[in-house]
PDB file of all heavy atoms in Angstrom:
ATOM      1  N   ALA A   1    -107.037 102.552 331.873  1.00  0.00           N
ATOM      2  CA  ALA A   1    -107.717 101.267 332.063  1.00  0.00           C
ATOM      3  C   ALA A   1    -107.067 100.153 331.266  1.00  0.00           C
ATOM      4  O   ALA A   1    -107.349  98.977 331.502  1.00  0.00           O
ATOM      5  CB  ALA A   1    -109.182 101.398 331.671  1.00  0.00           C
ATOM      6  N   ASP A   2    -106.190 100.508 330.345  1.00  0.00           N
ATOM      7  CA  ASP A   2    -105.531  99.508 329.505  1.00  0.00           C
ATOM      8  C   ASP A   2    -104.769  98.491 330.348  1.00  0.00           C
ATOM      9  O   ASP A   2    -104.629  97.339 329.960  1.00  0.00           O
ATOM     10  CB  ASP A   2    -104.586 100.201 328.518  1.00  0.00           C
ATOM     11  CG  ASP A   2    -104.147  99.276 327.402  1.00  0.00           C
ATOM     12  OD1 ASP A   2    -104.952  98.405 326.999  1.00  0.00           O
ATOM     13  OD2 ASP A   2    -103.015  99.431 326.925  1.00  0.00           O
ATOM     14  N   ASN A   3    -104.299  98.905 331.497  1.00  0.00           N
ATOM     15  CA  ASN A   3    -103.556  98.005 332.377  1.00  0.00           C
ATOM     16  C   ASN A   3    -104.444  97.331 333.414  1.00  0.00           C
ATOM     17  O   ASN A   3    -103.958  96.562 334.224  1.00  0.00           O
ATOM     18  CB  ASN A   3    -102.431  98.772 333.084  1.00  0.00           C
ATOM     19  CG  ASN A   3    -101.426  99.309 332.088  1.00  0.00           C
ATOM     20  OD1 ASN A   3    -101.156  98.681 331.078  1.00  0.00           O
ATOM     21  ND2 ASN A   3    -100.875 100.482 332.369  1.00  0.00           N
ATOM     22  N   GLU A   4    -105.722  97.635 333.404  1.00  0.00           N
ATOM     23  CA  GLU A   4    -106.659  97.057 334.363  1.00  0.00           C
ATOM     24  C   GLU A   4    -107.855  96.474 333.615  1.00  0.00           C
ATOM     25  O   GLU A   4    -108.846  97.169 333.389  1.00  0.00           O
ATOM     26  CB  GLU A   4    -107.140  98.123 335.340  1.00  0.00           C
ATOM     27  CG  GLU A   4    -106.028  98.756 336.145  1.00  0.00           C
ATOM     28  CD  GLU A   4    -106.550  99.872 337.022  1.00  0.00           C
ATOM     29  OE1 GLU A   4    -107.678  99.759 337.534  1.00  0.00           O
ATOM     30  OE2 GLU A   4    -105.830 100.861 337.169  1.00  0.00           O
ATOM     31  N   PRO A   5    -107.787  95.207 333.238  1.00  0.00           N
ATOM     32  CA  PRO A   5    -108.866  94.609 332.445  1.00  0.00           C
ATOM     33  C   PRO A   5    -110.241  94.721 333.090  1.00  0.00           C
ATOM     34  O   PRO A   5    -111.248  94.816 332.399  1.00  0.00           O
ATOM     35  CB  PRO A   5    -108.436  93.145 332.321  1.00  0.00           C
ATOM     36  CG  PRO A   5    -106.968  93.156 332.525  1.00  0.00           C
ATOM     37  CD  PRO A   5    -106.699  94.292 333.474  1.00  0.00           C
ATOM     38  N   SER A   6    -110.296  94.765 334.408  1.00  0.00           N
ATOM     39  CA  SER A   6    -111.597  94.836 335.077  1.00  0.00           C
ATOM     40  C   SER A   6    -112.315  96.156 334.805  1.00  0.00           C
ATOM     41  O   SER A   6    -113.541  96.214 334.794  1.00  0.00           O
ATOM     42  CB  SER A   6    -111.435  94.638 336.584  1.00  0.00           C
ATOM     43  OG  SER A   6    -110.618  95.667 337.122  1.00  0.00           O
ATOM     44  N   SER A   7    -111.574  97.234 334.567  1.00  0.00           N
ATOM     45  CA  SER A   7    -112.211  98.516 334.310  1.00  0.00           C
ATOM     46  C   SER A   7    -112.234  98.878 332.825  1.00  0.00           C
ATOM     47  O   SER A   7    -112.793  99.896 332.438  1.00  0.00           O
ATOM     48  CB  SER A   7    -111.516  99.626 335.100  1.00  0.00           C
ATOM     49  OG  SER A   7    -110.193  99.778 334.665  1.00  0.00           O
ATOM     50  N   GLU A   8    -111.646  98.008 331.998  1.00  0.00           N
ATOM     51  CA  GLU A   8    -111.563  98.300 330.564  1.00  0.00           C
ATOM     52  C   GLU A   8    -112.938  98.460 329.925  1.00  0.00           C
ATOM     53  O   GLU A   8    -113.182  99.416 329.189  1.00  0.00           O
ATOM     54  CB  GLU A   8    -110.789  97.180 329.872  1.00  0.00           C
ATOM     55  CG  GLU A   8    -110.468  97.438 328.431  1.00  0.00           C
ATOM     56  CD  GLU A   8    -109.637  96.317 327.842  1.00  0.00           C
ATOM     57  OE1 GLU A   8    -110.181  95.209 327.661  1.00  0.00           O
ATOM     58  OE2 GLU A   8    -108.448  96.562 327.591  1.00  0.00           O
ATOM     59  N   VAL A   9    -113.865  97.561 330.212  1.00  0.00           N
ATOM     60  CA  VAL A   9    -115.208  97.639 329.619  1.00  0.00           C
ATOM     61  C   VAL A   9    -115.917  98.913 330.070  1.00  0.00           C
ATOM     62  O   VAL A   9    -116.534  99.608 329.262  1.00  0.00           O
ATOM     63  CB  VAL A   9    -116.050  96.389 329.977  1.00  0.00           C
ATOM     64  CG1 VAL A   9    -117.506  96.583 329.577  1.00  0.00           C
ATOM     65  CG2 VAL A   9    -115.479  95.157 329.306  1.00  0.00           C
ATOM     66  N   ALA A  10    -115.788  99.244 331.331  1.00  0.00           N
ATOM     67  CA  ALA A  10    -116.447 100.447 331.847  1.00  0.00           C
ATOM     68  C   ALA A  10    -115.910 101.700 331.173  1.00  0.00           C
ATOM     69  O   ALA A  10    -116.685 102.581 330.783  1.00  0.00           O
ATOM     70  CB  ALA A  10    -116.266 100.540 333.364  1.00  0.00           C
ATOM     71  N   GLU A  11    -114.601 101.788 331.012  1.00  0.00           N
ATOM     72  CA  GLU A  11    -114.010 102.989 330.418  1.00  0.00           C
ATOM     73  C   GLU A  11    -114.322 103.097 328.929  1.00  0.00           C
ATOM     74  O   GLU A  11    -114.595 104.188 328.425  1.00  0.00           O
ATOM     75  CB  GLU A  11    -112.509 103.049 330.680  1.00  0.00           C
ATOM     76  CG  GLU A  11    -112.151 103.206 332.139  1.00  0.00           C
ATOM     77  CD  GLU A  11    -112.848 104.367 332.830  1.00  0.00           C
ATOM     78  OE1 GLU A  11    -113.140 105.398 332.192  1.00  0.00           O
ATOM     79  OE2 GLU A  11    -113.127 104.243 334.034  1.00  0.00           O
ATOM     80  N   PHE A  12    -114.309 101.974 328.220  1.00  0.00           N
ATOM     81  CA  PHE A  12    -114.687 102.018 326.808  1.00  0.00           C
ATOM     82  C   PHE A  12    -116.172 102.362 326.668  1.00  0.00           C
ATOM     83  O   PHE A  12    -116.561 103.101 325.765  1.00  0.00           O
ATOM     84  CB  PHE A  12    -114.358 100.704 326.094  1.00  0.00           C
ATOM     85  CG  PHE A  12    -112.936 100.645 325.612  1.00  0.00           C
ATOM     86  CD1 PHE A  12    -112.012  99.835 326.240  1.00  0.00           C
ATOM     87  CD2 PHE A  12    -112.515 101.410 324.531  1.00  0.00           C
ATOM     88  CE1 PHE A  12    -110.695  99.788 325.804  1.00  0.00           C
ATOM     89  CE2 PHE A  12    -111.204 101.374 324.090  1.00  0.00           C
ATOM     90  CZ  PHE A  12    -110.295 100.555 324.732  1.00  0.00           C
ATOM     91  N   SER A  13    -116.994 101.855 327.558  1.00  0.00           N
ATOM     92  CA  SER A  13    -118.416 102.180 327.539  1.00  0.00           C
ATOM     93  C   SER A  13    -118.631 103.668 327.777  1.00  0.00           C
ATOM     94  O   SER A  13    -119.467 104.308 327.130  1.00  0.00           O
ATOM     95  CB  SER A  13    -119.164 101.366 328.602  1.00  0.00           C
ATOM     96  OG  SER A  13    -119.074  99.992 328.331  1.00  0.00           O
ATOM     97  N   ARG A  14    -117.867 104.225 328.710  1.00  0.00           N
ATOM     98  CA  ARG A  14    -117.942 105.660 328.994  1.00  0.00           C
ATOM     99  C   ARG A  14    -117.533 106.459 327.749  1.00  0.00           C
ATOM    100  O   ARG A  14    -118.168 107.446 327.386  1.00  0.00           O
ATOM    101  CB  ARG A  14    -117.053 106.001 330.184  1.00  0.00           C
ATOM    102  CG  ARG A  14    -117.222 107.407 330.703  1.00  0.00           C
ATOM    103  CD  ARG A  14    -116.460 107.639 332.005  1.00  0.00           C
ATOM    104  NE  ARG A  14    -117.162 107.012 333.128  1.00  0.00           N
ATOM    105  CZ  ARG A  14    -116.726 105.948 333.790  1.00  0.00           C
ATOM    106  NH1 ARG A  14    -115.594 105.371 333.482  1.00  0.00           N
ATOM    107  NH2 ARG A  14    -117.431 105.452 334.785  1.00  0.00           N
ATOM    108  N   ALA A  15    -116.478 106.021 327.065  1.00  0.00           N
ATOM    109  CA  ALA A  15    -116.022 106.706 325.854  1.00  0.00           C
ATOM    110  C   ALA A  15    -117.075 106.640 324.755  1.00  0.00           C
ATOM    111  O   ALA A  15    -117.310 107.623 324.036  1.00  0.00           O
ATOM    112  CB  ALA A  15    -114.707 106.101 325.373  1.00  0.00           C
ATOM    113  N   ILE A  16    -117.743 105.503 324.610  1.00  0.00           N
ATOM    114  CA  ILE A  16    -118.799 105.371 323.601  1.00  0.00           C
ATOM    115  C   ILE A  16    -119.968 106.286 323.942  1.00  0.00           C
ATOM    116  O   ILE A  16    -120.539 106.937 323.064  1.00  0.00           O
ATOM    117  CB  ILE A  16    -119.266 103.897 323.494  1.00  0.00           C
ATOM    118  CG1 ILE A  16    -118.141 103.019 322.967  1.00  0.00           C
ATOM    119  CG2 ILE A  16    -120.508 103.774 322.628  1.00  0.00           C
ATOM    120  CD1 ILE A  16    -117.652 103.371 321.584  1.00  0.00           C
ATOM    121  N   GLY A  17    -120.322 106.375 325.202  1.00  0.00           N
ATOM    122  CA  GLY A  17    -121.394 107.292 325.615  1.00  0.00           C
ATOM    123  C   GLY A  17    -121.045 108.738 325.304  1.00  0.00           C
ATOM    124  O   GLY A  17    -121.882 109.509 324.821  1.00  0.00           O
ATOM    125  N   PHE A  18    -119.799 109.115 325.575  1.00  0.00           N
ATOM    126  CA  PHE A  18    -119.320 110.464 325.283  1.00  0.00           C
ATOM    127  C   PHE A  18    -119.428 110.737 323.781  1.00  0.00           C
ATOM    128  O   PHE A  18    -119.950 111.769 323.347  1.00  0.00           O
ATOM    129  CB  PHE A  18    -117.870 110.606 325.756  1.00  0.00           C
ATOM    130  CG  PHE A  18    -117.290 111.980 325.612  1.00  0.00           C
ATOM    131  CD1 PHE A  18    -117.350 112.877 326.662  1.00  0.00           C
ATOM    132  CD2 PHE A  18    -116.676 112.379 324.435  1.00  0.00           C
ATOM    133  CE1 PHE A  18    -116.793 114.152 326.546  1.00  0.00           C
ATOM    134  CE2 PHE A  18    -116.120 113.645 324.303  1.00  0.00           C
ATOM    135  CZ  PHE A  18    -116.184 114.533 325.366  1.00  0.00           C
ATOM    136  N   ALA A  19    -118.958 109.792 322.973  1.00  0.00           N
ATOM    137  CA  ALA A  19    -118.978 109.960 321.517  1.00  0.00           C
ATOM    138  C   ALA A  19    -120.409 110.021 320.983  1.00  0.00           C
ATOM    139  O   ALA A  19    -120.710 110.825 320.097  1.00  0.00           O
ATOM    140  CB  ALA A  19    -118.208 108.825 320.850  1.00  0.00           C
ATOM    141  N   ASP A  20    -121.282 109.182 321.508  1.00  0.00           N
ATOM    142  CA  ASP A  20    -122.680 109.214 321.068  1.00  0.00           C
ATOM    143  C   ASP A  20    -123.338 110.561 321.383  1.00  0.00           C
ATOM    144  O   ASP A  20    -124.092 111.098 320.573  1.00  0.00           O
ATOM    145  CB  ASP A  20    -123.485 108.088 321.711  1.00  0.00           C
ATOM    146  CG  ASP A  20    -123.410 106.787 320.940  1.00  0.00           C
ATOM    147  OD1 ASP A  20    -122.858 106.776 319.820  1.00  0.00           O
ATOM    148  OD2 ASP A  20    -123.916 105.775 321.459  1.00  0.00           O
ATOM    149  N   ALA A  21    -123.052 111.095 322.560  1.00  0.00           N
ATOM    150  CA  ALA A  21    -123.618 112.403 322.918  1.00  0.00           C
ATOM    151  C   ALA A  21    -123.099 113.483 321.974  1.00  0.00           C
ATOM    152  O   ALA A  21    -123.855 114.368 321.541  1.00  0.00           O
ATOM    153  CB  ALA A  21    -123.276 112.747 324.371  1.00  0.00           C
ATOM    154  N   LEU A  22    -121.817 113.415 321.627  1.00  0.00           N
ATOM    155  CA  LEU A  22    -121.237 114.363 320.678  1.00  0.00           C
ATOM    156  C   LEU A  22    -121.919 114.243 319.319  1.00  0.00           C
ATOM    157  O   LEU A  22    -122.319 115.247 318.717  1.00  0.00           O
ATOM    158  CB  LEU A  22    -119.734 114.124 320.532  1.00  0.00           C
ATOM    159  CG  LEU A  22    -119.034 114.863 319.386  1.00  0.00           C
ATOM    160  CD1 LEU A  22    -119.133 116.369 319.575  1.00  0.00           C
ATOM    161  CD2 LEU A  22    -117.590 114.423 319.285  1.00  0.00           C
ATOM    162  N   LEU A  23    -122.075 113.029 318.826  1.00  0.00           N
ATOM    163  CA  LEU A  23    -122.720 112.829 317.528  1.00  0.00           C
ATOM    164  C   LEU A  23    -124.174 113.300 317.545  1.00  0.00           C
ATOM    165  O   LEU A  23    -124.640 113.900 316.574  1.00  0.00           O
ATOM    166  CB  LEU A  23    -122.634 111.357 317.117  1.00  0.00           C
ATOM    167  CG  LEU A  23    -121.226 110.880 316.771  1.00  0.00           C
ATOM    168  CD1 LEU A  23    -121.211 109.374 316.570  1.00  0.00           C
ATOM    169  CD2 LEU A  23    -120.697 111.595 315.552  1.00  0.00           C
ATOM    170  N   ASP A  24    -124.873 113.030 318.636  1.00  0.00           N
ATOM    171  CA  ASP A  24    -126.254 113.518 318.751  1.00  0.00           C
ATOM    172  C   ASP A  24    -126.306 115.033 318.660  1.00  0.00           C
ATOM    173  O   ASP A  24    -127.159 115.605 317.985  1.00  0.00           O
ATOM    174  CB  ASP A  24    -126.894 113.065 320.066  1.00  0.00           C
ATOM    175  CG  ASP A  24    -127.237 111.587 320.074  1.00  0.00           C
ATOM    176  OD1 ASP A  24    -127.219 110.957 318.991  1.00  0.00           O
ATOM    177  OD2 ASP A  24    -127.516 111.069 321.175  1.00  0.00           O
ATOM    178  N   ARG A  25    -125.382 115.698 319.342  1.00  0.00           N
ATOM    179  CA  ARG A  25    -125.338 117.164 319.314  1.00  0.00           C
ATOM    180  C   ARG A  25    -125.056 117.668 317.903  1.00  0.00           C
ATOM    181  O   ARG A  25    -125.684 118.597 317.420  1.00  0.00           O
ATOM    182  CB  ARG A  25    -124.277 117.662 320.282  1.00  0.00           C
ATOM    183  CG  ARG A  25    -124.070 119.167 320.313  1.00  0.00           C
ATOM    184  CD  ARG A  25    -125.133 119.941 321.090  1.00  0.00           C
ATOM    185  NE  ARG A  25    -125.332 119.457 322.422  1.00  0.00           N
ATOM    186  CZ  ARG A  25    -124.654 119.837 323.500  1.00  0.00           C
ATOM    187  NH1 ARG A  25    -123.705 120.742 323.383  1.00  0.00           N
ATOM    188  NH2 ARG A  25    -124.937 119.327 324.681  1.00  0.00           N
ATOM    189  N   LEU A  26    -124.120 117.034 317.218  1.00  0.00           N
ATOM    190  CA  LEU A  26    -123.789 117.443 315.854  1.00  0.00           C
ATOM    191  C   LEU A  26    -124.965 117.223 314.910  1.00  0.00           C
ATOM    192  O   LEU A  26    -125.248 118.072 314.064  1.00  0.00           O
ATOM    193  CB  LEU A  26    -122.563 116.674 315.344  1.00  0.00           C
ATOM    194  CG  LEU A  26    -121.246 117.033 316.004  1.00  0.00           C
ATOM    195  CD1 LEU A  26    -120.157 116.074 315.545  1.00  0.00           C
ATOM    196  CD2 LEU A  26    -120.860 118.467 315.720  1.00  0.00           C
ATOM    197  N   ARG A  27    -125.641 116.107 315.066  1.00  0.00           N
ATOM    198  CA  ARG A  27    -126.804 115.841 314.214  1.00  0.00           C
ATOM    199  C   ARG A  27    -127.895 116.876 314.445  1.00  0.00           C
ATOM    200  O   ARG A  27    -128.511 117.358 313.502  1.00  0.00           O
ATOM    201  CB  ARG A  27    -127.361 114.447 314.511  1.00  0.00           C
ATOM    202  CG  ARG A  27    -126.543 113.333 313.958  1.00  0.00           C
ATOM    203  CD  ARG A  27    -127.213 111.992 314.244  1.00  0.00           C
ATOM    204  NE  ARG A  27    -126.290 110.919 314.010  1.00  0.00           N
ATOM    205  CZ  ARG A  27    -125.819 110.098 314.947  1.00  0.00           C
ATOM    206  NH1 ARG A  27    -126.221 110.214 316.198  1.00  0.00           N
ATOM    207  NH2 ARG A  27    -124.970 109.153 314.644  1.00  0.00           N
ATOM    208  N   ASN A  28    -128.145 117.197 315.680  1.00  0.00           N
ATOM    209  CA  ASN A  28    -129.228 118.123 316.003  1.00  0.00           C
ATOM    210  C   ASN A  28    -128.924 119.555 315.602  1.00  0.00           C
ATOM    211  O   ASN A  28    -129.827 120.305 315.266  1.00  0.00           O
ATOM    212  CB  ASN A  28    -129.553 118.060 317.501  1.00  0.00           C
ATOM    213  CG  ASN A  28    -130.191 116.749 317.887  1.00  0.00           C
ATOM    214  OD1 ASN A  28    -130.807 116.076 317.061  1.00  0.00           O
ATOM    215  ND2 ASN A  28    -130.037 116.354 319.135  1.00  0.00           N
ATOM    216  N   THR A  29    -127.669 119.944 315.650  1.00  0.00           N
ATOM    217  CA  THR A  29    -127.337 121.327 315.322  1.00  0.00           C
ATOM    218  C   THR A  29    -127.052 121.530 313.844  1.00  0.00           C
ATOM    219  O   THR A  29    -127.057 122.653 313.369  1.00  0.00           O
ATOM    220  CB  THR A  29    -126.125 121.837 316.131  1.00  0.00           C
ATOM    221  OG1 THR A  29    -125.025 120.994 315.881  1.00  0.00           O
ATOM    222  CG2 THR A  29    -126.439 121.881 317.605  1.00  0.00           C
ATOM    223  N   SER A  30    -126.817 120.437 313.114  1.00  0.00           N
ATOM    224  CA  SER A  30    -126.491 120.600 311.706  1.00  0.00           C
ATOM    225  C   SER A  30    -127.724 120.574 310.811  1.00  0.00           C
ATOM    226  O   SER A  30    -127.638 120.922 309.643  1.00  0.00           O
ATOM    227  CB  SER A  30    -125.501 119.525 311.254  1.00  0.00           C
ATOM    228  OG  SER A  30    -126.106 118.250 311.313  1.00  0.00           O
ATOM    229  N   ALA A  31    -128.843 120.190 311.347  1.00  0.00           N
ATOM    230  CA  ALA A  31    -130.059 120.136 310.546  1.00  0.00           C
ATOM    231  C   ALA A  31    -130.714 121.512 310.522  1.00  0.00           C
ATOM    232  O   ALA A  31    -131.156 122.023 311.545  1.00  0.00           O
ATOM    233  CB  ALA A  31    -131.019 119.104 311.127  1.00  0.00           C
TER     234      ALA A  31
END
């Protein structure tokens, strides 16, 4: 998406969602 500004926000948003889900899983399993 780096070469396509129109999809850049969508792809970064998708990456943030992926990372948030990972962090949620780590928080829930580490307690």
